[in-house]
Protein backbone atom coordinates (compact mmCIF):
# COMPACT_ATOMS: atom_id res chain seq x y z
CA MET A 1 -2.02 -39.75 -29.43
CA THR A 2 -4.94 -37.39 -30.01
CA ALA A 3 -7.37 -40.28 -29.57
CA ALA A 4 -5.71 -41.25 -26.28
CA LEU A 5 -5.99 -37.71 -24.99
CA ARG A 6 -9.60 -37.42 -26.10
CA LEU A 7 -10.43 -40.75 -24.46
CA ALA A 8 -8.88 -39.46 -21.23
CA GLY A 9 -11.31 -36.53 -21.29
CA CYS A 10 -9.08 -33.78 -22.69
CA VAL A 11 -11.50 -31.34 -24.29
CA PHE A 12 -8.84 -29.67 -26.46
CA ALA A 13 -7.06 -32.88 -27.40
CA GLU A 14 -5.78 -31.70 -30.80
CA GLU A 15 -4.29 -28.49 -29.40
CA GLU A 16 -2.73 -30.32 -26.46
CA ALA A 17 -1.23 -32.91 -28.79
CA ARG A 18 0.45 -30.15 -30.81
CA MET A 19 1.89 -28.61 -27.65
CA LEU A 20 3.23 -31.93 -26.39
CA ILE A 21 4.86 -32.69 -29.74
CA ALA A 22 6.50 -29.26 -29.78
CA GLU A 23 7.84 -29.70 -26.24
CA ALA A 24 9.10 -33.31 -26.39
CA ALA A 25 12.74 -33.75 -27.40
CA THR A 26 12.43 -37.46 -28.20
CA ALA A 27 9.76 -40.01 -29.03
CA ASP A 28 10.22 -41.64 -25.63
CA GLU A 29 9.73 -38.30 -23.90
CA LEU A 30 6.60 -37.65 -25.94
CA ASP A 31 5.21 -41.04 -25.00
CA ARG A 32 5.88 -40.32 -21.32
CA MET A 33 4.22 -36.91 -21.54
CA VAL A 34 1.13 -38.33 -23.25
CA ARG A 35 0.82 -40.99 -20.56
CA GLN A 36 1.14 -38.35 -17.83
CA ARG A 37 -1.50 -36.17 -19.42
CA ALA A 38 -3.86 -39.06 -20.03
CA GLY A 39 -3.35 -40.03 -16.40
CA GLY A 40 -4.77 -36.68 -15.26
CA LEU A 41 -1.65 -34.59 -14.67
CA PRO A 42 -2.37 -30.91 -15.51
CA LEU A 43 -1.10 -30.00 -18.97
CA GLU A 44 1.05 -27.19 -17.54
CA GLN A 45 2.82 -29.58 -15.16
CA VAL A 46 3.41 -32.01 -18.02
CA LEU A 47 4.85 -29.28 -20.24
CA GLY A 48 6.72 -27.62 -17.39
CA TRP A 49 5.33 -24.20 -18.17
CA ALA A 50 2.14 -22.13 -18.46
CA GLN A 51 1.20 -19.16 -20.59
CA PHE A 52 0.23 -16.23 -18.35
CA CYS A 53 -0.21 -12.62 -19.46
CA GLY A 54 1.91 -13.36 -22.53
CA LEU A 55 4.74 -14.78 -20.41
CA ARG A 56 6.08 -18.33 -20.30
CA ILE A 57 5.98 -19.24 -16.59
CA ALA A 58 7.80 -22.33 -15.33
CA VAL A 59 5.46 -24.76 -13.56
CA ASP A 60 6.92 -27.59 -11.49
CA PRO A 61 5.10 -30.80 -10.48
CA ALA A 62 2.77 -30.39 -7.49
CA VAL A 63 2.80 -26.58 -7.77
CA PHE A 64 -0.39 -24.54 -8.19
CA VAL A 65 -1.02 -23.78 -11.87
CA PRO A 66 -1.78 -20.09 -12.63
CA ARG A 67 -5.31 -19.66 -13.99
CA ARG A 68 -6.27 -17.51 -16.94
CA ARG A 69 -8.91 -15.67 -14.89
CA THR A 70 -6.15 -14.51 -12.55
CA GLU A 71 -4.78 -12.40 -15.40
CA LEU A 72 -7.40 -9.82 -14.37
CA LEU A 73 -5.69 -9.49 -11.00
CA ALA A 74 -2.30 -9.20 -12.69
CA ARG A 75 -3.47 -6.49 -15.10
CA GLU A 76 -5.10 -4.44 -12.35
CA ALA A 77 -2.02 -4.78 -10.14
CA ALA A 78 0.25 -3.66 -12.99
CA ARG A 79 -2.01 -0.69 -13.69
CA LEU A 80 -1.86 0.43 -10.06
CA ALA A 81 1.88 -0.16 -9.85
CA ALA A 82 2.41 2.02 -12.94
CA GLN A 83 0.71 4.90 -11.11
CA VAL A 84 3.40 5.04 -8.41
CA SER A 85 5.61 8.06 -8.90
CA GLN A 86 8.77 7.44 -10.91
CA HIS A 87 10.59 9.45 -8.26
CA ALA A 88 9.62 7.01 -5.48
CA PRO A 89 10.56 3.36 -4.92
CA LEU A 90 8.04 0.83 -6.23
CA VAL A 91 7.64 -2.11 -3.86
CA VAL A 92 5.57 -5.08 -5.07
CA VAL A 93 4.92 -8.22 -3.01
CA ASP A 94 3.39 -11.46 -4.32
CA LEU A 95 2.01 -13.32 -1.28
CA CYS A 96 0.81 -16.94 -1.67
CA CYS A 97 2.90 -16.71 -4.84
CA GLY A 98 2.67 -20.28 -6.22
CA THR A 99 4.79 -20.06 -9.37
CA GLY A 100 5.36 -16.30 -8.98
CA ALA A 101 3.35 -15.69 -12.15
CA LEU A 102 1.62 -12.62 -10.73
CA GLY A 103 4.84 -10.96 -9.63
CA ALA A 104 6.42 -11.66 -13.00
CA ALA A 105 3.42 -10.26 -14.85
CA VAL A 106 3.39 -7.06 -12.81
CA ALA A 107 7.12 -6.59 -13.36
CA ALA A 108 6.62 -7.03 -17.10
CA GLY A 109 3.68 -4.66 -17.10
CA VAL A 110 5.24 -1.64 -15.38
CA ARG A 111 8.48 -1.48 -17.38
CA ARG A 112 10.42 0.28 -14.63
CA THR A 113 12.72 -0.65 -11.82
CA LEU A 114 10.88 -2.22 -8.92
CA ASP A 115 11.63 -3.95 -5.64
CA LEU A 116 9.92 -7.32 -6.13
CA HIS A 117 9.34 -9.84 -3.34
CA ALA A 118 7.38 -13.11 -3.18
CA ALA A 119 6.53 -15.65 -0.49
CA ASP A 120 4.76 -18.97 -0.12
CA ILE A 121 4.45 -21.59 2.59
CA ASP A 122 5.04 -24.44 0.12
CA PRO A 123 8.76 -25.25 -0.47
CA ALA A 124 8.09 -26.51 -4.00
CA ALA A 125 6.31 -23.27 -4.89
CA VAL A 126 9.19 -21.23 -3.49
CA GLU A 127 11.75 -23.07 -5.63
CA CYS A 128 9.58 -22.66 -8.72
CA THR A 129 9.10 -18.94 -8.05
CA ARG A 130 12.82 -18.43 -7.60
CA ARG A 131 13.39 -19.73 -11.12
CA ASN A 132 10.71 -17.43 -12.53
CA LEU A 133 11.74 -14.28 -10.67
CA ALA A 134 15.52 -14.65 -10.70
CA PRO A 135 15.87 -12.85 -14.08
CA LEU A 136 13.85 -9.97 -12.58
CA GLY A 137 15.94 -9.68 -9.42
CA GLY A 138 13.02 -10.81 -7.26
CA GLN A 139 13.56 -11.95 -3.68
CA VAL A 140 11.65 -15.10 -2.68
CA TYR A 141 10.97 -16.35 0.84
CA GLN A 142 9.42 -19.45 2.39
CA GLY A 143 7.02 -19.02 5.29
CA ASP A 144 3.47 -18.41 6.42
CA LEU A 145 2.14 -15.16 4.92
CA TYR A 146 3.75 -12.02 6.39
CA SER A 147 6.04 -13.97 8.72
CA ALA A 148 8.15 -14.81 5.68
CA LEU A 149 8.73 -11.17 4.71
CA PRO A 150 11.57 -8.92 5.90
CA GLU A 151 10.45 -6.44 8.58
CA ALA A 152 11.99 -3.68 6.45
CA LEU A 153 8.98 -3.96 4.10
CA ARG A 154 6.49 -3.05 6.81
CA GLY A 155 4.58 0.09 5.80
CA LYS A 156 6.36 0.33 2.44
CA ILE A 157 4.46 -1.99 0.06
CA ASN A 158 2.79 -0.18 -2.83
CA VAL A 159 1.12 -3.22 -4.41
CA LEU A 160 0.42 -6.36 -2.41
CA ILE A 161 -0.84 -9.26 -4.56
CA ALA A 162 -2.34 -12.15 -2.63
CA ASN A 163 -4.01 -14.84 -4.72
CA VAL A 164 -5.16 -16.59 -1.56
CA PRO A 165 -6.93 -19.96 -1.60
CA TYR A 166 -10.68 -19.33 -1.49
CA VAL A 167 -12.36 -22.71 -2.05
CA PRO A 168 -14.46 -23.68 1.00
CA THR A 169 -13.16 -26.88 2.58
CA ASP A 170 -16.39 -28.77 1.93
CA ASP A 171 -16.18 -27.86 -1.78
CA LEU A 172 -12.69 -29.26 -2.37
CA ALA A 173 -14.15 -32.63 -3.36
CA LEU A 174 -16.05 -30.88 -6.15
CA LEU A 175 -12.90 -29.53 -7.83
CA PRO A 176 -11.67 -31.09 -11.09
CA ALA A 177 -9.38 -34.05 -10.48
CA GLU A 178 -6.45 -32.14 -12.02
CA ALA A 179 -6.57 -29.61 -9.18
CA ARG A 180 -7.78 -31.92 -6.44
CA ASP A 181 -5.16 -34.64 -7.05
CA HIS A 182 -2.16 -32.74 -8.40
CA GLU A 183 -2.07 -29.34 -6.73
CA PRO A 184 -1.20 -28.73 -3.06
CA ARG A 185 -4.22 -28.51 -0.77
CA VAL A 186 -2.69 -25.48 0.94
CA ALA A 187 -3.07 -23.58 -2.34
CA LEU A 188 -6.76 -24.46 -2.64
CA ASP A 189 -8.32 -24.74 0.82
CA GLY A 190 -9.77 -21.43 2.05
CA GLY A 191 -11.29 -22.86 5.23
CA SER A 192 -14.92 -23.33 6.21
CA ASP A 193 -16.25 -20.37 4.19
CA GLY A 194 -13.31 -20.01 1.80
CA LEU A 195 -12.23 -16.71 3.35
CA GLU A 196 -10.02 -17.72 6.27
CA VAL A 197 -6.72 -16.97 4.53
CA MET A 198 -8.15 -13.76 3.11
CA ARG A 199 -9.00 -12.63 6.67
CA ALA A 200 -5.44 -13.30 7.78
CA VAL A 201 -3.99 -11.39 4.82
CA ALA A 202 -6.40 -8.45 5.02
CA GLY A 203 -6.16 -8.19 8.79
CA GLN A 204 -2.44 -7.40 8.71
CA ALA A 205 -2.36 -5.59 5.36
CA PRO A 206 -2.73 -2.04 6.79
CA ARG A 207 0.53 -2.54 8.73
CA TRP A 208 2.45 -3.59 5.61
CA LEU A 209 0.96 -1.31 2.97
CA ALA A 210 2.31 2.16 2.32
CA VAL A 211 -0.22 4.98 2.55
CA GLY A 212 -2.12 4.77 -0.73
CA GLY A 213 -0.93 1.20 -1.23
CA HIS A 214 -3.22 -1.53 -2.55
CA LEU A 215 -4.01 -5.12 -1.62
CA LEU A 216 -5.47 -7.19 -4.48
CA VAL A 217 -7.24 -10.50 -3.90
CA GLU A 218 -9.36 -12.80 -6.04
CA ALA A 219 -12.71 -14.25 -4.96
CA SER A 220 -15.67 -16.05 -6.48
CA GLU A 221 -18.63 -13.83 -7.35
CA ARG A 222 -20.87 -15.49 -4.77
CA GLN A 223 -18.29 -14.75 -2.06
CA LEU A 224 -18.02 -11.06 -2.88
CA PRO A 225 -20.43 -9.65 -0.27
CA ALA A 226 -18.72 -11.55 2.57
CA ALA A 227 -15.26 -10.87 1.12
CA MET A 228 -16.01 -7.15 0.90
CA GLN A 229 -16.96 -7.21 4.58
CA VAL A 230 -13.63 -8.88 5.37
CA ILE A 231 -11.85 -5.99 3.67
CA VAL A 232 -13.99 -3.34 5.38
CA ASP A 233 -13.35 -4.97 8.77
CA SER A 234 -9.61 -4.70 8.13
CA GLY A 235 -9.85 -0.92 7.78
CA LEU A 236 -9.13 -0.82 4.05
CA LEU A 237 -11.28 0.84 1.39
CA PRO A 238 -12.54 -1.78 -1.10
CA ARG A 239 -13.74 -1.72 -4.67
CA VAL A 240 -14.50 -4.56 -7.09
CA VAL A 241 -13.18 -5.20 -10.61
CA LEU A 242 -15.17 -7.70 -12.66
CA ASP A 243 -14.58 -9.42 -15.99
CA ASP A 244 -17.60 -11.43 -17.09
CA GLU A 245 -15.80 -12.95 -20.06
CA MET A 246 -13.07 -14.38 -17.82
CA ASP A 247 -15.53 -15.10 -14.97
CA ALA A 248 -13.15 -13.22 -12.72
CA ALA A 249 -13.65 -10.97 -9.71
CA VAL A 250 -10.89 -8.99 -8.01
CA ILE A 251 -11.15 -6.89 -4.87
CA VAL A 252 -8.81 -3.91 -4.69
CA ALA A 253 -8.39 -2.74 -1.09
CA THR A 254 -6.62 0.55 -0.50
CA ARG A 255 -4.93 1.97 2.55
CA ALA A 256 -6.07 5.56 2.21
CA GLU A 257 -5.25 8.68 4.15
CA VAL A 258 -8.00 11.23 3.67
CA THR A 259 -6.84 14.84 3.95
CA GLU A 260 -8.89 16.51 1.23
CA VAL A 261 -10.90 19.60 2.01
CA THR A 262 -14.46 19.77 0.71
CA GLU A 263 -15.60 23.35 1.08
CA GLN A 264 -19.29 22.72 0.54
CA ALA A 265 -19.34 20.18 3.33
CA GLY A 266 -17.32 22.46 5.61
CA ASN A 267 -14.50 19.96 6.05
CA ARG A 268 -11.24 21.01 7.65
CA ALA A 269 -7.95 19.63 6.29
CA ASP A 270 -7.28 17.93 9.64
CA ASP A 271 -10.85 16.63 10.01
CA PRO A 272 -12.18 14.56 7.10
CA PHE A 273 -15.49 14.17 8.97
CA GLY A 274 -16.36 17.85 8.72
CA GLY A 275 -16.80 18.43 12.43
CA ARG A 276 -19.42 15.71 12.90
CA GLN A 277 -19.02 12.56 14.98
CA PRO A 278 -17.93 9.69 12.65
CA THR A 279 -20.25 6.69 12.48
CA SER A 280 -19.21 3.24 13.70
CA HIS A 281 -18.53 2.23 10.10
CA GLU A 282 -16.27 5.24 9.57
CA ARG A 283 -14.42 4.59 12.82
CA MET A 284 -13.88 0.98 11.76
CA THR A 285 -12.42 1.92 8.38
CA GLY A 286 -10.81 5.19 9.41
CA LEU A 287 -12.39 6.78 6.34
CA PRO A 288 -15.37 9.09 5.80
CA TRP A 289 -18.19 7.88 3.59
CA ASP A 290 -17.07 10.35 0.93
CA ALA A 291 -13.92 8.30 0.33
CA SER A 292 -16.06 5.47 -1.07
CA TYR A 293 -16.95 7.62 -4.09
CA ARG A 294 -13.55 9.09 -4.95
CA ASN A 295 -12.04 6.21 -6.92
CA GLY A 296 -15.02 5.24 -9.03
CA PRO A 297 -18.50 3.98 -8.14
CA ALA A 298 -19.07 2.76 -4.60
CA PRO A 299 -20.00 -0.94 -4.26
CA TRP A 300 -23.66 -0.02 -3.66
CA ASP A 301 -23.86 2.52 -6.51
CA ILE A 302 -25.42 0.45 -9.31
CA GLY A 303 -26.01 3.41 -11.66
CA ARG A 304 -29.80 3.07 -11.62
CA PRO A 305 -32.60 3.05 -9.05
CA GLN A 306 -33.06 -0.06 -6.95
CA PRO A 307 -35.77 -2.32 -8.46
CA VAL A 308 -37.64 -2.10 -5.16
CA VAL A 309 -37.83 1.68 -5.48
CA VAL A 310 -39.10 1.43 -9.06
CA ARG A 311 -41.78 -0.98 -7.93
CA LEU A 312 -42.87 1.14 -4.95
CA ALA A 313 -43.00 4.25 -7.13
CA ALA A 314 -45.22 2.47 -9.65
CA GLU A 315 -47.54 1.56 -6.78
CA GLY A 316 -47.82 5.20 -5.72
CA ALA A 317 -45.99 4.62 -2.44
CA PHE A 318 -44.14 7.95 -2.47
CA VAL A 319 -46.31 10.87 -1.37
CA GLY A 320 -44.51 14.18 -1.36
CA PRO A 321 -42.56 15.72 0.04
CA VAL A 322 -40.16 12.76 0.12
CA LEU A 323 -36.89 12.52 2.05
CA ASP A 324 -34.26 10.17 0.57
CA ALA A 325 -32.00 9.29 3.50
CA GLY A 326 -28.42 8.53 2.48
CA CYS A 327 -29.21 9.31 -1.14
CA GLY A 328 -25.71 8.66 -2.55
CA THR A 329 -25.47 9.69 -6.20
CA GLY A 330 -29.23 10.22 -6.35
CA GLU A 331 -30.61 7.51 -8.64
CA ASN A 332 -33.52 6.63 -6.34
CA ALA A 333 -34.42 10.27 -5.62
CA LEU A 334 -34.25 11.19 -9.31
CA HIS A 335 -36.53 8.32 -10.27
CA ILE A 336 -39.16 9.51 -7.79
CA ALA A 337 -38.74 13.18 -8.70
CA ALA A 338 -39.16 12.37 -12.40
CA LEU A 339 -42.73 11.36 -11.52
CA GLY A 340 -43.47 14.88 -10.33
CA VAL A 341 -43.03 14.18 -6.61
CA PRO A 342 -40.96 16.73 -4.63
CA VAL A 343 -37.84 15.02 -3.24
CA LEU A 344 -34.97 16.08 -1.00
CA GLY A 345 -31.99 13.76 -0.80
CA PHE A 346 -29.35 14.07 1.88
CA ASP A 347 -25.97 12.45 2.44
CA VAL A 348 -22.67 13.18 4.18
CA ALA A 349 -20.66 12.35 1.05
CA GLU A 350 -20.22 15.56 -0.90
CA THR A 351 -18.65 13.73 -3.85
CA ALA A 352 -21.83 11.67 -4.17
CA LEU A 353 -24.02 14.77 -3.77
CA SER A 354 -22.11 16.59 -6.52
CA ALA A 355 -22.74 13.64 -8.84
CA ALA A 356 -26.44 13.67 -7.91
CA ARG A 357 -26.75 17.38 -8.66
CA GLU A 358 -25.02 16.94 -12.02
CA LYS A 359 -27.40 14.12 -12.95
CA ALA A 360 -30.41 16.24 -11.98
CA ALA A 361 -29.19 19.11 -14.16
CA GLU A 362 -28.38 16.85 -17.12
CA ARG A 363 -31.78 15.13 -16.97
CA GLY A 364 -33.76 18.28 -16.27
CA ILE A 365 -35.26 16.85 -13.08
CA ALA A 366 -36.20 19.07 -10.14
CA ALA A 367 -34.69 17.40 -7.08
CA GLU A 368 -32.74 18.83 -4.16
CA PHE A 369 -29.57 17.32 -2.73
CA VAL A 370 -28.02 18.61 0.49
CA ALA A 371 -25.29 17.62 2.91
CA ALA A 372 -26.72 16.60 6.27
CA ASP A 373 -25.92 14.41 9.26
CA ALA A 374 -28.37 11.52 9.65
CA PHE A 375 -28.30 12.07 13.42
CA ALA A 376 -29.21 15.79 13.22
CA LEU A 377 -31.94 16.24 10.62
CA ASP A 378 -33.87 19.03 12.34
CA GLY A 379 -31.50 21.43 10.60
CA LEU A 380 -33.31 20.66 7.33
CA GLY A 381 -36.06 22.98 8.54
CA ARG A 382 -38.95 21.04 7.04
CA THR A 383 -41.03 17.90 7.45
CA PHE A 384 -41.76 15.04 5.07
CA ALA A 385 -44.71 12.78 4.30
CA THR A 386 -42.56 9.89 3.06
CA VAL A 387 -39.02 8.77 3.88
CA LEU A 388 -36.96 6.38 1.78
CA ASP A 389 -34.03 4.62 3.43
CA CYS A 390 -32.31 2.41 0.87
CA GLY A 391 -29.22 0.99 2.55
CA LEU A 392 -28.54 3.54 5.30
CA PHE A 393 -30.07 1.97 8.41
CA HIS A 394 -28.03 -1.22 8.15
CA THR A 395 -24.74 0.71 8.40
CA PHE A 396 -25.60 1.85 11.93
CA ARG A 397 -24.97 -0.10 15.09
CA GLY A 398 -26.08 0.06 18.72
CA ASP A 399 -27.23 3.46 19.94
CA GLU A 400 -26.68 4.94 16.46
CA ARG A 401 -29.94 3.35 15.37
CA ALA A 402 -31.86 5.02 18.20
CA ARG A 403 -30.31 8.40 17.35
CA TYR A 404 -31.18 7.94 13.68
CA VAL A 405 -34.78 6.98 14.42
CA ALA A 406 -35.11 10.03 16.68
CA ALA A 407 -33.75 12.23 13.89
CA LEU A 408 -36.33 10.83 11.46
CA THR A 409 -39.03 11.52 14.03
CA SER A 410 -37.98 15.17 14.16
CA VAL A 411 -38.65 15.68 10.43
CA THR A 412 -41.87 13.70 10.01
CA GLU A 413 -45.40 14.17 11.21
CA ARG A 414 -48.06 11.69 12.23
CA ASP A 415 -49.08 9.24 9.47
CA ALA A 416 -45.80 9.69 7.59
CA THR A 417 -44.44 6.51 6.01
CA LEU A 418 -40.90 5.17 6.04
CA HIS A 419 -39.92 2.63 3.36
CA LEU A 420 -36.73 0.94 4.54
CA LEU A 421 -34.62 -1.50 2.53
CA CYS A 422 -31.72 -3.18 4.35
CA PHE A 423 -29.60 -6.31 4.14
CA SER A 424 -31.28 -9.32 5.73
CA ASP A 425 -29.69 -11.99 7.91
CA GLU A 426 -31.78 -14.71 6.27
CA GLY A 427 -30.83 -16.73 3.20
CA PRO A 428 -27.50 -17.48 1.49
CA ASP A 429 -24.95 -14.85 0.44
CA THR A 430 -26.08 -12.15 2.85
CA GLY A 431 -24.65 -8.68 2.34
CA PRO A 432 -22.47 -6.67 4.74
CA HIS A 433 -24.16 -5.47 7.96
CA PRO A 434 -27.11 -7.91 7.85
CA VAL A 435 -30.07 -6.97 10.04
CA SER A 436 -32.53 -9.36 11.68
CA ARG A 437 -36.30 -8.91 11.67
CA ARG A 438 -36.18 -8.61 15.45
CA GLU A 439 -33.62 -5.78 15.24
CA LEU A 440 -35.88 -3.86 12.87
CA GLU A 441 -38.89 -4.30 15.13
CA ALA A 442 -36.88 -3.21 18.18
CA ALA A 443 -35.49 -0.10 16.50
CA PHE A 444 -38.98 1.15 15.62
CA GLY A 445 -40.78 -0.27 18.65
CA PRO A 446 -42.89 1.34 21.39
CA GLY A 447 -41.74 4.76 22.51
CA THR A 448 -39.96 5.62 19.25
CA GLY A 449 -42.89 7.38 17.60
CA TRP A 450 -43.03 4.66 14.94
CA ALA A 451 -44.82 1.35 14.39
CA VAL A 452 -43.79 -1.39 11.99
CA ALA A 453 -46.65 -2.10 9.59
CA ALA A 454 -44.95 -4.77 7.49
CA ILE A 455 -41.61 -6.49 6.95
CA GLU A 456 -41.25 -8.57 3.81
CA PRO A 457 -38.25 -10.41 2.29
CA ASP A 458 -36.85 -8.74 -0.83
CA ARG A 459 -33.54 -8.17 -2.65
CA VAL A 460 -31.04 -5.32 -2.78
CA GLU A 461 -28.69 -5.05 -5.73
CA THR A 462 -25.01 -4.09 -5.51
CA ARG A 463 -22.29 -3.74 -8.12
CA PHE A 464 -20.79 -7.05 -7.04
CA GLN A 465 -24.13 -8.85 -6.60
CA PRO A 466 -26.33 -7.76 -9.54
CA SER A 467 -28.86 -10.52 -8.87
CA GLY A 468 -29.35 -9.08 -5.43
CA ALA A 469 -28.58 -9.96 -1.83
CA PRO A 470 -31.26 -10.99 0.70
CA ALA A 471 -32.98 -7.93 2.12
CA TRP A 472 -35.86 -6.77 4.25
CA LEU A 473 -38.35 -4.26 2.89
CA ALA A 474 -40.14 -2.66 5.81
CA MET A 475 -43.05 -0.24 5.80
CA ILE A 476 -43.02 1.74 9.03
CA LYS A 477 -45.65 4.29 10.04
CA ARG A 478 -45.18 7.45 12.09
CA ILE A 479 -47.62 7.46 15.03
């Protein structure tokens, strides 16, 4: 038996043989199971169950088999569900549920009463999920995404799990035969870029989530930049959870309602934008930039200076005084200031500025960090010889870019230098808000008070793309 399994390509033939022997009731049944497994049927479909988060989950033939890496999504969903007040209902929905393994794992993880629902378009998956969730009182529906759910759930879901298919259509042929031949295509095919179902789920999620509710989706690491943009476009606030050991990446997207008052920034309780005009990005998400820093590091906050900044600093590119535009938590500014160059960093996110000031104090580095609007910099009351823009320009659109360039002009004098790093539209796996070379040249063209001296391809690192996304590094001179 072990030899037959090994000959069929089963890497863990001995372990699989032990599991088949333990499951088979008769010799004839064991022989049938070995033949099925040797023929390429997934082990879980042969056994009729899969181990997932310590649970034994029933798996029927032709139903998507829960993957071990998806346990990261289950654990994070359970953690968020456990944070819902015990005095409020807990509503959990498992969309694209397959076997219902995620819903079952969350229910097991919270150890409290919850209102559990699941849905899938595949009838076989629905029947399998009903068997798995029946002991938990879960309600299971057949249908296409949200159309399957009761309208009564709209605006009330605390945790929405959606393990959507994310394999690009052209890559389906590259999948292992077990998945390609024995799992439903609808559970695998994510469309041309692998993100079509994610767009459909994220696009409607704000209508179904409760305020403070979370959507959790899985993606491949190379898809993360584009997937994050999908979430941002939906109006949700994203963050990424990674597990290198499991090769897993989960995006947690939150429907937030920002009402906090930040005294230093002058915010009013009914105006999270502190009296300034929100940027196009903030209007799209409905959230101020500060919200990106409140639940852990922002996607662009890598906890160290960008490699480009380190390289430029080593080349002596930063002549003081330096203005760090959109400084975030200050890593770039602090690196430059540590070299003895006077630096002022500004941002609209007071949470980020507070972190920057704390770092400066802890490291004994003299650097200033102030709250300022990128469109009204003359209030800084000083001029700068060098400006660093590491990821701010590419968040602006349309006339915002012209207003920003004019603001930079107001705080620089002739011969000042602007070093600008932004996402590029060239190359694979571009980041959110990619900018073309032509757009850069137009923004700093004749009549702006600036002239582009050089634009070179480079990389910008993010928390979900540590090897870097395609970027432009531009050197622009004040004239």
